N, C-alpha and C. Protein backbone atom coordinates (compact mmCIF):
# COMPACT_ATOMS: atom_id res chain seq x y z
N MET A 1 2.09 8.03 28.07
CA MET A 1 1.92 7.40 26.82
C MET A 1 3.09 7.11 26.17
N PRO A 2 3.47 5.83 25.77
CA PRO A 2 4.57 5.59 25.02
C PRO A 2 4.79 6.17 23.67
N ARG A 3 5.78 6.66 23.08
CA ARG A 3 5.86 7.20 21.76
C ARG A 3 5.59 6.27 20.89
N PRO A 4 5.03 6.53 19.68
CA PRO A 4 4.76 5.39 18.66
C PRO A 4 6.23 5.31 17.92
N PRO A 5 6.55 4.07 17.45
CA PRO A 5 7.93 3.95 16.68
C PRO A 5 7.87 4.74 15.61
N ALA A 6 8.97 5.02 15.34
CA ALA A 6 9.38 5.77 14.02
C ALA A 6 9.04 4.80 12.84
N ILE A 7 9.04 5.53 11.60
CA ILE A 7 8.96 4.80 10.33
C ILE A 7 10.30 5.31 9.59
N VAL A 8 11.08 4.27 9.42
CA VAL A 8 12.14 4.51 8.56
C VAL A 8 11.93 4.14 7.08
N LEU A 9 11.92 5.22 6.36
CA LEU A 9 11.66 5.17 4.90
C LEU A 9 12.77 4.84 3.93
N ASP A 10 12.42 3.94 3.01
CA ASP A 10 13.32 3.48 2.06
C ASP A 10 13.27 4.43 0.79
N SER A 11 14.11 4.37 -0.11
CA SER A 11 14.27 5.44 -1.12
C SER A 11 12.71 5.37 -2.05
N MET A 12 12.25 4.38 -2.55
CA MET A 12 10.99 4.05 -3.08
C MET A 12 9.74 4.65 -2.45
N VAL A 13 9.46 4.30 -0.94
CA VAL A 13 8.46 4.67 -0.39
C VAL A 13 8.54 6.40 -0.07
N LEU A 14 9.65 6.84 -0.09
CA LEU A 14 9.85 8.21 0.01
C LEU A 14 9.58 8.81 -1.27
N ILE A 15 9.84 8.48 -2.46
CA ILE A 15 9.68 8.85 -3.66
C ILE A 15 8.11 8.99 -3.96
N ASN A 16 7.53 7.61 -3.83
CA ASN A 16 6.29 7.47 -3.71
C ASN A 16 5.41 8.68 -3.13
N MET A 17 5.76 8.95 -1.89
CA MET A 17 5.08 9.74 -0.90
C MET A 17 5.17 11.15 -1.59
N ALA A 18 6.57 11.45 -2.24
CA ALA A 18 6.83 12.92 -2.78
C ALA A 18 5.94 12.95 -4.09
N THR A 19 5.78 11.84 -4.83
CA THR A 19 5.01 11.81 -6.12
C THR A 19 3.47 11.95 -5.70
N ALA A 20 3.02 11.56 -4.80
CA ALA A 20 1.64 11.81 -4.42
C ALA A 20 1.52 13.12 -3.45
N ARG A 21 2.44 13.94 -3.43
CA ARG A 21 2.44 14.84 -2.71
C ARG A 21 1.96 14.64 -1.15
N LEU A 22 2.37 13.81 -0.45
CA LEU A 22 1.86 13.46 0.78
C LEU A 22 2.96 13.52 1.81
N LEU A 23 4.20 14.18 1.52
CA LEU A 23 5.33 14.37 2.53
C LEU A 23 4.74 15.39 3.78
N GLU A 24 4.16 16.44 3.44
CA GLU A 24 3.75 17.32 4.31
C GLU A 24 2.52 16.71 5.24
N ILE A 25 1.79 16.26 4.44
CA ILE A 25 0.64 15.56 5.25
C ILE A 25 1.07 14.41 6.20
N ALA A 26 1.82 13.44 5.73
CA ALA A 26 2.44 12.50 6.46
C ALA A 26 3.34 12.80 7.82
N SER A 27 3.88 14.15 7.71
CA SER A 27 4.41 14.66 8.92
C SER A 27 3.56 14.92 10.05
N GLY A 28 2.26 14.91 9.78
CA GLY A 28 1.48 14.87 10.82
C GLY A 28 1.03 13.65 11.57
N LEU A 29 1.61 12.38 11.14
CA LEU A 29 1.48 11.18 11.85
C LEU A 29 2.08 11.25 13.22
N PRO A 30 1.63 10.41 13.95
CA PRO A 30 2.07 10.32 15.34
C PRO A 30 3.59 9.86 15.47
N GLU A 31 3.91 9.00 14.35
CA GLU A 31 5.21 8.37 14.25
C GLU A 31 6.06 9.14 13.39
N PRO A 32 7.22 9.46 13.99
CA PRO A 32 8.20 10.49 13.11
C PRO A 32 8.72 9.63 11.72
N LEU A 33 8.96 10.20 10.82
CA LEU A 33 9.43 9.65 9.52
C LEU A 33 10.77 9.95 9.34
N VAL A 34 11.68 8.95 9.30
CA VAL A 34 13.08 8.96 9.30
C VAL A 34 13.65 8.50 8.14
N VAL A 35 14.84 8.95 7.75
CA VAL A 35 15.70 8.44 6.49
C VAL A 35 16.96 8.45 7.03
N PRO A 36 17.84 7.22 6.37
CA PRO A 36 19.27 7.25 6.59
C PRO A 36 20.01 8.03 5.63
N PRO A 37 21.23 8.40 5.99
CA PRO A 37 21.94 9.12 4.85
C PRO A 37 21.92 8.66 3.46
N ASP A 38 21.92 7.33 3.33
CA ASP A 38 21.99 6.75 1.97
C ASP A 38 20.82 6.93 1.12
N VAL A 39 19.67 7.11 1.92
CA VAL A 39 18.54 7.37 1.25
C VAL A 39 18.45 8.69 0.91
N VAL A 40 19.03 9.66 1.67
CA VAL A 40 19.04 11.01 1.30
C VAL A 40 19.95 11.04 0.00
N GLU A 41 20.94 10.55 -0.18
CA GLU A 41 22.04 10.46 -1.16
C GLU A 41 21.29 9.95 -2.49
N GLU A 42 20.39 9.03 -2.23
CA GLU A 42 19.63 8.56 -3.62
C GLU A 42 18.58 9.36 -3.92
N THR A 43 17.90 9.81 -2.98
CA THR A 43 16.73 10.53 -3.58
C THR A 43 16.78 11.97 -3.72
N VAL A 44 17.67 12.63 -2.85
CA VAL A 44 17.88 14.18 -3.06
C VAL A 44 19.52 14.36 -3.91
N GLU A 45 20.23 13.98 -3.38
CA GLU A 45 21.52 14.36 -4.05
C GLU A 45 21.55 13.91 -5.55
N ALA A 46 21.38 12.53 -5.57
CA ALA A 46 21.56 12.04 -6.87
C ALA A 46 20.22 12.44 -7.64
N GLY A 47 18.91 12.52 -7.31
CA GLY A 47 17.65 13.01 -7.80
C GLY A 47 17.91 14.37 -8.39
N GLU A 48 18.46 15.10 -7.61
CA GLU A 48 18.69 16.73 -8.05
C GLU A 48 19.73 16.66 -9.31
N ARG A 49 20.72 15.86 -9.12
CA ARG A 49 21.90 15.67 -10.39
C ARG A 49 21.29 15.21 -11.66
N LEU A 50 20.16 14.34 -11.22
CA LEU A 50 19.42 13.77 -12.48
C LEU A 50 18.22 14.47 -12.96
N GLY A 51 17.94 15.53 -12.36
CA GLY A 51 16.71 16.33 -12.59
C GLY A 51 15.46 15.91 -12.13
N TYR A 52 15.35 15.08 -11.26
CA TYR A 52 13.88 14.54 -10.80
C TYR A 52 13.25 15.47 -9.89
N ALA A 53 12.06 15.91 -10.39
CA ALA A 53 11.14 16.85 -9.56
C ALA A 53 10.97 16.49 -8.14
N ASP A 54 10.99 15.32 -7.85
CA ASP A 54 10.75 14.76 -6.46
C ASP A 54 11.57 15.10 -5.78
N ALA A 55 12.96 15.32 -6.11
CA ALA A 55 14.17 15.54 -5.23
C ALA A 55 14.02 16.79 -4.51
N SER A 56 13.53 17.68 -5.27
CA SER A 56 13.38 19.10 -4.32
C SER A 56 12.26 19.13 -3.41
N LEU A 57 11.23 18.32 -3.61
CA LEU A 57 10.16 18.02 -2.61
C LEU A 57 10.80 17.22 -1.48
N ILE A 58 11.49 16.38 -1.69
CA ILE A 58 12.17 15.43 -0.48
C ILE A 58 13.12 16.32 0.26
N ARG A 59 13.78 17.24 -0.49
CA ARG A 59 14.76 18.22 0.22
C ARG A 59 13.93 19.10 1.08
N LYS A 60 12.99 19.68 0.65
CA LYS A 60 12.12 20.56 1.42
C LYS A 60 11.61 19.87 2.59
N ALA A 61 11.17 18.60 2.34
CA ALA A 61 10.62 17.88 3.50
C ALA A 61 11.50 17.74 4.63
N ILE A 62 12.78 17.37 4.29
CA ILE A 62 13.77 17.32 5.17
C ILE A 62 14.24 18.72 5.90
N GLN A 63 14.38 19.76 5.14
CA GLN A 63 14.58 21.25 5.58
C GLN A 63 13.45 21.58 6.49
N GLU A 64 12.30 21.21 6.14
CA GLU A 64 11.16 21.77 7.03
C GLU A 64 10.92 21.01 8.32
N GLY A 65 11.44 19.80 8.31
CA GLY A 65 11.38 18.93 9.43
C GLY A 65 10.23 18.01 9.30
N TRP A 66 9.73 17.78 8.16
CA TRP A 66 8.69 16.92 7.97
C TRP A 66 9.09 15.49 8.04
N ILE A 67 10.39 15.25 7.65
CA ILE A 67 11.05 14.12 7.77
C ILE A 67 12.31 14.31 8.22
N ARG A 68 12.99 13.32 9.08
CA ARG A 68 14.10 13.65 9.92
C ARG A 68 15.39 12.69 9.09
N ALA A 69 16.04 13.25 8.92
CA ALA A 69 17.32 12.66 8.34
C ALA A 69 18.41 12.41 9.32
N THR A 70 18.68 11.13 9.49
CA THR A 70 19.71 10.78 10.60
C THR A 70 21.05 11.10 10.31
N GLU A 71 21.81 11.19 11.21
CA GLU A 71 23.37 11.32 11.04
C GLU A 71 23.96 10.16 10.55
N LYS A 72 24.06 9.21 11.34
CA LYS A 72 24.71 7.85 11.32
C LYS A 72 23.87 6.55 11.30
N VAL A 73 24.31 5.43 10.73
CA VAL A 73 23.88 4.23 11.09
C VAL A 73 25.00 3.54 11.46
N ASP A 74 24.72 2.22 12.06
CA ASP A 74 25.74 1.42 12.57
C ASP A 74 26.30 0.59 11.22
N GLU A 75 27.61 1.09 10.77
CA GLU A 75 28.22 0.55 9.85
C GLU A 75 28.47 -1.12 9.79
N ARG A 76 28.91 -1.37 10.92
CA ARG A 76 28.85 -3.01 10.95
C ARG A 76 27.58 -3.73 10.63
N VAL A 77 26.54 -3.20 11.11
CA VAL A 77 25.21 -3.69 10.77
C VAL A 77 24.97 -3.74 9.49
N VAL A 78 25.11 -2.52 8.78
CA VAL A 78 25.02 -2.38 7.30
C VAL A 78 25.82 -3.22 6.66
N ARG A 79 27.07 -3.19 6.74
CA ARG A 79 27.91 -4.25 6.04
C ARG A 79 27.45 -5.67 6.26
N ARG A 80 27.15 -6.16 7.35
CA ARG A 80 26.62 -7.43 7.78
C ARG A 80 25.27 -7.74 6.89
N LEU A 81 24.43 -6.89 6.88
CA LEU A 81 23.19 -7.01 6.03
C LEU A 81 23.45 -7.05 4.48
N GLN A 82 24.48 -6.21 4.14
CA GLN A 82 24.83 -6.36 2.75
C GLN A 82 25.45 -7.55 2.22
N ARG A 83 26.34 -8.03 3.33
CA ARG A 83 27.09 -9.41 2.81
C ARG A 83 26.21 -10.63 3.06
N GLU A 84 25.51 -10.65 4.15
CA GLU A 84 24.51 -11.87 4.31
C GLU A 84 23.35 -11.91 3.46
N ASN A 85 22.94 -10.76 3.10
CA ASN A 85 21.44 -10.70 2.35
C ASN A 85 21.74 -10.17 0.94
N ARG A 86 22.62 -9.69 0.53
CA ARG A 86 22.93 -9.09 -0.77
C ARG A 86 22.03 -7.88 -1.01
N LEU A 87 21.77 -7.00 0.21
CA LEU A 87 21.02 -5.96 -0.02
C LEU A 87 21.96 -4.75 -0.56
N ARG A 88 21.20 -3.74 -1.21
CA ARG A 88 21.94 -2.52 -1.72
C ARG A 88 22.09 -1.79 -0.41
N ARG A 89 23.41 -0.92 -0.44
CA ARG A 89 23.77 -0.28 0.65
C ARG A 89 22.52 0.48 1.34
N ALA A 90 21.69 1.24 0.49
CA ALA A 90 20.75 2.08 1.00
C ALA A 90 19.61 1.21 1.84
N ASP A 91 19.28 -0.07 1.22
CA ASP A 91 18.17 -0.67 1.81
C ASP A 91 18.76 -1.44 3.21
N ALA A 92 20.09 -1.83 3.20
CA ALA A 92 20.81 -2.41 4.42
C ALA A 92 20.60 -1.06 5.50
N ALA A 93 20.81 0.06 5.06
CA ALA A 93 20.65 1.11 6.02
C ALA A 93 19.42 1.27 6.59
N VAL A 94 18.52 1.30 5.82
CA VAL A 94 17.03 1.18 6.44
C VAL A 94 16.76 0.15 7.40
N VAL A 95 17.21 -1.10 7.00
CA VAL A 95 17.02 -2.09 8.00
C VAL A 95 17.87 -1.90 9.22
N ALA A 96 19.01 -1.48 9.22
CA ALA A 96 19.93 -1.32 10.20
C ALA A 96 19.31 -0.16 11.13
N LEU A 97 18.92 0.89 10.58
CA LEU A 97 18.29 2.02 11.33
C LEU A 97 17.02 1.67 12.00
N SER A 98 16.21 0.85 11.20
CA SER A 98 15.11 0.40 11.85
C SER A 98 15.25 -0.43 13.25
N LEU A 99 16.29 -1.26 13.07
CA LEU A 99 16.79 -2.13 14.39
C LEU A 99 17.24 -1.30 15.41
N LYS A 100 18.12 -0.31 15.14
CA LYS A 100 18.62 0.60 16.14
C LYS A 100 17.38 1.38 16.76
N LEU A 101 16.41 1.85 16.01
CA LEU A 101 15.46 2.61 16.45
C LEU A 101 14.23 2.03 17.09
N ARG A 102 14.29 0.61 16.83
CA ARG A 102 13.05 -0.16 17.08
C ARG A 102 11.83 0.20 16.31
N ALA A 103 12.13 0.60 15.22
CA ALA A 103 11.20 1.34 14.12
C ALA A 103 10.63 0.39 13.14
N ILE A 104 9.69 0.87 12.35
CA ILE A 104 9.03 0.22 11.31
C ILE A 104 9.73 0.35 10.16
N ALA A 105 10.27 -0.69 9.30
CA ALA A 105 11.01 -0.57 8.11
C ALA A 105 9.83 -0.20 7.15
N GLY A 106 10.05 0.99 6.39
CA GLY A 106 9.23 1.37 5.37
C GLY A 106 9.67 0.98 4.13
N SER A 107 9.26 -0.14 3.65
CA SER A 107 9.64 -0.44 2.15
C SER A 107 8.70 -1.29 1.51
N ASP A 108 8.42 -1.28 0.31
CA ASP A 108 7.73 -2.12 -0.52
C ASP A 108 8.26 -3.21 -1.08
N ASP A 109 9.83 -3.12 -1.00
CA ASP A 109 10.49 -4.21 -1.46
C ASP A 109 10.42 -5.50 -0.69
N GLY A 110 10.08 -6.63 -1.53
CA GLY A 110 9.96 -7.92 -0.62
C GLY A 110 11.03 -8.35 -0.05
N LYS A 111 12.13 -8.40 -0.67
CA LYS A 111 13.55 -8.83 -0.08
C LYS A 111 13.89 -8.11 1.08
N VAL A 112 13.66 -6.64 1.19
CA VAL A 112 14.10 -5.82 2.29
C VAL A 112 13.22 -6.22 3.39
N ARG A 113 11.80 -6.27 2.99
CA ARG A 113 10.78 -6.55 4.32
C ARG A 113 11.17 -7.86 4.81
N ARG A 114 11.45 -9.03 3.97
CA ARG A 114 11.83 -10.37 4.56
C ARG A 114 13.08 -10.25 5.60
N VAL A 115 14.17 -9.38 5.02
CA VAL A 115 15.29 -9.43 5.77
C VAL A 115 14.88 -8.72 7.11
N ALA A 116 14.18 -7.59 6.95
CA ALA A 116 13.82 -6.81 8.18
C ALA A 116 12.97 -7.59 9.13
N GLU A 117 12.19 -8.52 8.83
CA GLU A 117 11.30 -9.33 9.42
C GLU A 117 12.18 -10.33 10.23
N LEU A 118 13.13 -10.91 9.56
CA LEU A 118 14.08 -11.97 10.03
C LEU A 118 14.93 -11.43 11.03
N GLU A 119 15.34 -10.13 10.96
CA GLU A 119 16.01 -9.53 11.80
C GLU A 119 15.15 -9.01 13.08
N GLY A 120 13.88 -8.89 12.98
CA GLY A 120 13.10 -8.64 14.13
C GLY A 120 12.50 -7.33 14.09
N ALA A 121 12.57 -6.68 12.86
CA ALA A 121 11.81 -5.24 12.69
C ALA A 121 10.47 -5.51 12.17
N ALA A 122 9.56 -4.69 12.59
CA ALA A 122 8.35 -4.66 11.87
C ALA A 122 8.26 -3.92 10.56
N CYS A 123 7.45 -4.33 9.53
CA CYS A 123 7.42 -3.72 8.28
C CYS A 123 6.31 -3.07 7.86
N GLY A 124 6.26 -1.95 6.96
CA GLY A 124 4.99 -1.45 6.37
C GLY A 124 5.40 -0.52 5.51
N GLY A 125 4.99 -0.55 4.21
CA GLY A 125 5.36 0.31 3.09
C GLY A 125 4.44 1.38 2.68
N THR A 126 4.26 1.63 1.15
CA THR A 126 3.51 2.64 0.93
C THR A 126 1.92 2.51 1.37
N GLY A 127 1.60 1.32 1.26
CA GLY A 127 0.21 0.98 1.59
C GLY A 127 -0.10 1.36 2.98
N TYR A 128 0.89 0.92 3.89
CA TYR A 128 0.71 1.14 5.39
C TYR A 128 0.67 2.79 5.72
N LEU A 129 1.51 3.37 5.16
CA LEU A 129 1.47 4.93 5.26
C LEU A 129 0.09 5.50 4.86
N LEU A 130 -0.33 4.93 3.66
CA LEU A 130 -1.72 5.58 3.33
C LEU A 130 -2.70 5.15 4.42
N GLY A 131 -2.67 3.90 4.86
CA GLY A 131 -3.62 3.47 5.87
C GLY A 131 -3.59 4.31 7.14
N ARG A 132 -2.34 4.56 7.51
CA ARG A 132 -2.07 5.30 8.75
C ARG A 132 -2.62 6.80 8.53
N LEU A 133 -2.51 7.31 7.44
CA LEU A 133 -3.19 8.59 7.20
C LEU A 133 -4.58 8.61 7.23
N VAL A 134 -5.22 7.62 6.80
CA VAL A 134 -6.78 7.54 6.89
C VAL A 134 -7.14 7.25 8.35
N MET A 135 -6.33 6.40 8.91
CA MET A 135 -6.68 6.03 10.45
C MET A 135 -6.54 7.27 11.34
N THR A 136 -5.57 8.18 10.97
CA THR A 136 -5.37 9.28 11.77
C THR A 136 -6.16 10.52 11.43
N GLY A 137 -7.03 10.24 10.37
CA GLY A 137 -7.77 11.34 9.85
C GLY A 137 -7.18 12.35 8.97
N LYS A 138 -5.98 12.26 8.60
CA LYS A 138 -5.22 13.04 7.70
C LYS A 138 -5.67 12.97 6.24
N LEU A 139 -6.35 11.75 5.84
CA LEU A 139 -6.87 11.80 4.71
C LEU A 139 -8.13 10.91 4.63
N THR A 140 -9.10 11.29 3.80
CA THR A 140 -10.19 10.49 3.69
C THR A 140 -10.01 9.14 2.85
N ARG A 141 -10.80 8.21 2.92
CA ARG A 141 -10.56 6.98 2.11
C ARG A 141 -10.36 7.26 0.45
N GLN A 142 -11.10 8.13 0.29
CA GLN A 142 -11.26 8.58 -1.26
C GLN A 142 -10.08 9.28 -1.52
N GLU A 143 -9.38 10.16 -0.65
CA GLU A 143 -8.46 10.95 -0.69
C GLU A 143 -7.19 9.83 -0.92
N ALA A 144 -7.20 9.05 -0.27
CA ALA A 144 -5.93 8.01 -0.23
C ALA A 144 -6.01 7.19 -1.50
N LYS A 145 -7.25 6.75 -1.87
CA LYS A 145 -7.28 6.24 -3.19
C LYS A 145 -6.84 7.03 -4.35
N ASP A 146 -7.11 8.34 -4.27
CA ASP A 146 -6.88 9.25 -5.44
C ASP A 146 -5.18 9.40 -5.29
N ARG A 147 -4.61 9.40 -4.03
CA ARG A 147 -3.06 9.55 -4.02
C ARG A 147 -2.50 8.09 -4.38
N LEU A 148 -3.07 7.02 -4.12
CA LEU A 148 -2.63 5.74 -4.54
C LEU A 148 -2.58 5.94 -6.06
N ASP A 149 -3.71 6.35 -6.68
CA ASP A 149 -3.80 6.36 -8.30
C ASP A 149 -2.71 7.21 -8.66
N ALA A 150 -2.30 8.39 -8.11
CA ALA A 150 -1.36 9.22 -8.42
C ALA A 150 -0.03 8.54 -8.51
N MET A 151 0.27 7.83 -7.42
CA MET A 151 1.53 7.28 -7.37
C MET A 151 1.86 6.18 -8.51
N ILE A 152 0.69 5.30 -8.92
CA ILE A 152 0.70 4.52 -9.98
C ILE A 152 0.83 5.34 -11.06
N GLY A 153 0.39 6.40 -11.50
CA GLY A 153 0.28 7.29 -12.53
C GLY A 153 1.70 7.91 -12.76
N GLY A 154 2.30 8.17 -11.53
CA GLY A 154 3.80 8.58 -11.47
C GLY A 154 4.95 7.54 -11.69
N GLY A 155 4.38 6.29 -12.00
CA GLY A 155 5.45 5.12 -12.17
C GLY A 155 5.62 4.12 -11.13
N TRP A 156 4.85 4.21 -10.01
CA TRP A 156 4.95 3.23 -9.11
C TRP A 156 4.50 1.88 -9.58
N TYR A 157 5.05 0.84 -9.81
CA TYR A 157 4.50 -0.50 -10.00
C TYR A 157 3.59 -1.13 -9.05
N CYS A 158 2.27 -1.43 -9.26
CA CYS A 158 1.33 -2.05 -8.41
C CYS A 158 0.65 -2.99 -9.14
N ASP A 159 0.70 -4.38 -8.83
CA ASP A 159 -0.07 -5.26 -9.74
C ASP A 159 -1.51 -5.19 -9.39
N VAL A 160 -2.35 -5.92 -10.02
CA VAL A 160 -3.96 -5.71 -9.72
C VAL A 160 -4.24 -6.29 -8.38
N GLU A 161 -3.63 -7.40 -8.14
CA GLU A 161 -4.00 -8.06 -6.69
C GLU A 161 -3.45 -7.16 -5.69
N THR A 162 -2.43 -6.57 -5.67
CA THR A 162 -1.82 -5.69 -4.57
C THR A 162 -2.73 -4.33 -4.57
N TYR A 163 -3.03 -4.02 -5.82
CA TYR A 163 -4.01 -2.82 -5.81
C TYR A 163 -5.35 -3.04 -5.00
N GLY A 164 -5.89 -4.33 -5.34
CA GLY A 164 -7.21 -4.64 -4.72
C GLY A 164 -7.00 -4.88 -3.33
N LYS A 165 -5.89 -5.26 -2.85
CA LYS A 165 -5.68 -5.45 -1.49
C LYS A 165 -5.37 -4.31 -0.72
N LEU A 166 -4.83 -3.24 -1.14
CA LEU A 166 -4.67 -1.70 -0.82
C LEU A 166 -5.93 -1.15 -0.60
N LEU A 167 -6.84 -1.34 -1.79
CA LEU A 167 -8.24 -0.77 -1.44
C LEU A 167 -8.97 -1.33 -0.55
N ARG A 168 -8.85 -2.79 -0.26
CA ARG A 168 -9.63 -3.24 0.78
C ARG A 168 -9.23 -2.76 2.07
N GLN A 169 -7.71 -2.66 2.31
CA GLN A 169 -7.29 -2.06 3.62
C GLN A 169 -7.78 -0.70 3.66
N LEU A 170 -7.84 -0.05 2.76
CA LEU A 170 -8.38 1.29 2.89
C LEU A 170 -9.93 1.42 3.10
N GLY A 171 -10.65 0.36 2.99
CA GLY A 171 -11.92 0.13 3.38
C GLY A 171 -12.92 0.40 2.09
N LEU A 172 -12.10 0.56 0.82
CA LEU A 172 -12.77 0.71 -0.29
C LEU A 172 -13.12 -0.53 -1.12
């Protein structure tokens, strides 16, 4: 049986997962969760310097192996994506790593998703991960809704239309 593609998480999806206390649960997905070094810098290193509680949760997830931090990304691809699409370095690294691993680009950012799709990578963000957790039996639909509400309560912006769409995708 072929191994499911990895999911390369961007900073916001990773922070959303930490806010909703989903990192350990998500480690049980069949797809490995991966982050490039630039995302580690933004979420763990900078997060700890700024005193964000989620930073220590993300560090623990990496140390425990729930999330795999990669060593390198293709610098030429990252620079090209930055130059051609005006992406932030961390976002370009997510797309570059997704392409390298033939993985899903895990981002809620519309621009990042458009670039990833144009480059040939599949995309799925926070809602996709919640759906995968329900589909694999790691969360019930109600638990997924509660976690979604916790993310929104923690500062994740989700307009009413998107919220309704996510609830429908979760079968609620």
